[in-house]
Amino acid sequence: MFLDRIIELEQGNRGVARIGVTAARGFPQILMIEAVAQLAGIVVAKTEGEGGFLASINHAEFSGSANAGDLLGISARVIKSFGRLFLIEGKVVCDAEQLLSVQLTLGVGKV
C-alpha cells in the first residue's frame, strides 16, 4: 500500500489521503494512478479484506511529477456504480498544483 495516511473517508462516496515521497521510494507517475485506485478500493469496500481490481483506466492526464520531499494529496470520488463496478474520479495534488487527473473503473469482489 502506498498511502501513508487517510485524512477523510466517506464510505461509499469519497476519500482523501496523503503520501510523503522519499528519495528511497521514489514515485514514478504510474504509481499516482495506483495510489488513487488503492484509495478508491478503501472507499468502496463494504467489508474488511474484500478484494478489488483495477478494471480500466478510462482517462489519465499527467501535468507534473512527484519528487523526493513532496507531500502528495490523493483524492478519489465515486461518480457512479453498477453492480460491483465503480466509476471513480481521482486527483493527485502537490502544493496546490494538480499532478494527475484520472477517471478509472474499479471492480470489487472476487474476479
Protein backbone atom coordinates (compact mmCIF):
# COMPACT_ATOMS: atom_id res chain seq x y z
CA MET A 1 0.00 0.00 0.00
CA PHE A 2 1.34 3.42 -0.97
CA LEU A 3 -0.97 5.54 1.17
CA ASP A 4 0.66 6.90 4.32
CA ARG A 5 -2.47 8.31 5.94
CA ILE A 6 -6.18 8.54 5.21
CA ILE A 7 -7.34 12.08 6.04
CA GLU A 8 -11.04 11.89 5.12
CA LEU A 9 -13.31 8.95 4.43
CA GLU A 10 -16.99 8.97 3.44
CA GLN A 11 -17.55 5.24 2.94
CA GLY A 12 -19.06 4.55 -0.46
CA ASN A 13 -18.65 8.16 -1.62
CA ARG A 14 -15.17 9.76 -1.35
CA GLY A 15 -11.83 9.82 0.40
CA VAL A 16 -8.65 11.88 0.78
CA ALA A 17 -5.21 10.51 1.66
CA ARG A 18 -1.59 11.68 1.90
CA ILE A 19 1.67 10.22 0.65
CA GLY A 20 5.12 11.51 1.58
CA VAL A 21 7.58 10.91 -1.26
CA THR A 22 11.02 9.78 -0.11
CA ALA A 23 14.28 9.51 -2.02
CA ALA A 24 14.43 5.79 -1.23
CA ARG A 25 10.93 5.12 -2.52
CA GLY A 26 10.79 7.50 -5.50
CA PHE A 27 7.44 7.92 -7.21
CA PRO A 28 7.01 7.21 -10.94
CA GLN A 29 3.88 8.77 -12.45
CA ILE A 30 2.09 5.44 -12.92
CA LEU A 31 2.16 4.97 -9.14
CA MET A 32 -0.05 8.04 -8.81
CA ILE A 33 -2.79 6.10 -10.62
CA GLU A 34 -2.16 3.12 -8.35
CA ALA A 35 -2.49 5.36 -5.28
CA VAL A 36 -5.87 6.67 -6.50
CA ALA A 37 -7.00 3.07 -7.16
CA GLN A 38 -5.91 1.98 -3.67
CA LEU A 39 -7.80 4.84 -2.04
CA ALA A 40 -10.86 4.13 -4.20
CA GLY A 41 -10.75 0.50 -3.09
CA ILE A 42 -10.88 1.60 0.55
CA VAL A 43 -13.75 3.99 -0.21
CA VAL A 44 -15.94 1.37 -1.92
CA ALA A 45 -15.08 -1.78 0.07
CA LYS A 46 -18.02 -2.93 2.16
CA THR A 47 -16.12 -5.41 4.35
CA GLU A 48 -12.53 -5.59 5.56
CA GLY A 49 -10.40 -7.81 3.36
CA GLU A 50 -12.74 -7.58 0.38
CA GLY A 51 -10.65 -7.84 -2.78
CA GLY A 52 -10.67 -5.43 -5.67
CA PHE A 53 -9.12 -4.88 -9.07
CA LEU A 54 -8.42 -2.03 -11.45
CA ALA A 55 -10.74 -2.82 -14.37
CA SER A 56 -9.74 0.09 -16.62
CA ILE A 57 -8.10 3.48 -16.82
CA ASN A 58 -10.65 5.47 -18.79
CA HIS A 59 -8.65 8.71 -18.94
CA ALA A 60 -5.48 9.96 -17.28
CA GLU A 61 -3.82 13.33 -17.67
CA PHE A 62 -0.46 13.99 -16.04
CA SER A 63 0.63 17.59 -15.60
CA GLY A 64 3.67 17.08 -13.38
CA SER A 65 5.72 14.58 -11.42
CA ALA A 66 6.50 13.96 -7.76
CA ASN A 67 9.96 14.48 -6.29
CA ALA A 68 11.64 13.42 -3.05
CA GLY A 69 10.28 15.50 -0.16
CA ASP A 70 6.90 16.18 -1.78
CA LEU A 71 3.69 15.62 0.19
CA LEU A 72 1.01 14.39 -2.19
CA GLY A 73 -2.72 14.78 -1.66
CA ILE A 74 -4.71 11.91 -3.18
CA SER A 75 -8.47 12.14 -3.67
CA ALA A 76 -10.98 9.63 -5.00
CA ARG A 77 -14.71 10.13 -5.55
CA VAL A 78 -17.32 7.64 -6.73
CA ILE A 79 -19.13 9.05 -9.75
CA LYS A 80 -21.48 6.08 -10.15
CA SER A 81 -21.68 2.37 -9.51
CA PHE A 82 -23.12 -0.50 -11.47
CA GLY A 83 -23.14 -3.82 -9.64
CA ARG A 84 -19.66 -4.44 -8.37
CA LEU A 85 -18.05 -1.92 -10.75
CA PHE A 86 -17.41 1.67 -9.70
CA LEU A 87 -16.58 4.67 -11.90
CA ILE A 88 -14.03 6.76 -9.97
CA GLU A 89 -12.73 10.29 -10.45
CA GLY A 90 -9.35 10.90 -8.84
CA LYS A 91 -6.75 13.63 -8.44
CA VAL A 92 -3.22 13.96 -7.13
CA VAL A 93 -2.01 17.38 -6.00
CA CYS A 94 1.21 18.76 -4.53
CA ASP A 95 1.43 22.28 -3.10
CA ALA A 96 -1.86 23.27 -4.81
CA GLU A 97 -0.51 22.07 -8.19
CA GLN A 98 -2.50 19.26 -9.80
CA LEU A 99 -0.19 16.46 -10.96
CA LEU A 100 -2.82 13.98 -12.13
CA SER A 101 -6.47 13.88 -13.10
CA VAL A 102 -7.78 10.37 -13.72
CA GLN A 103 -11.02 8.54 -14.33
CA LEU A 104 -10.93 4.80 -13.75
CA THR A 105 -13.18 1.81 -13.26
CA LEU A 106 -12.66 -0.30 -10.16
CA GLY A 107 -14.11 -3.75 -9.54
CA VAL A 108 -14.78 -5.07 -6.05
CA GLY A 109 -15.21 -8.72 -5.09
CA LYS A 110 -13.89 -12.00 -6.45
CA VAL A 111 -12.54 -11.98 -10.00
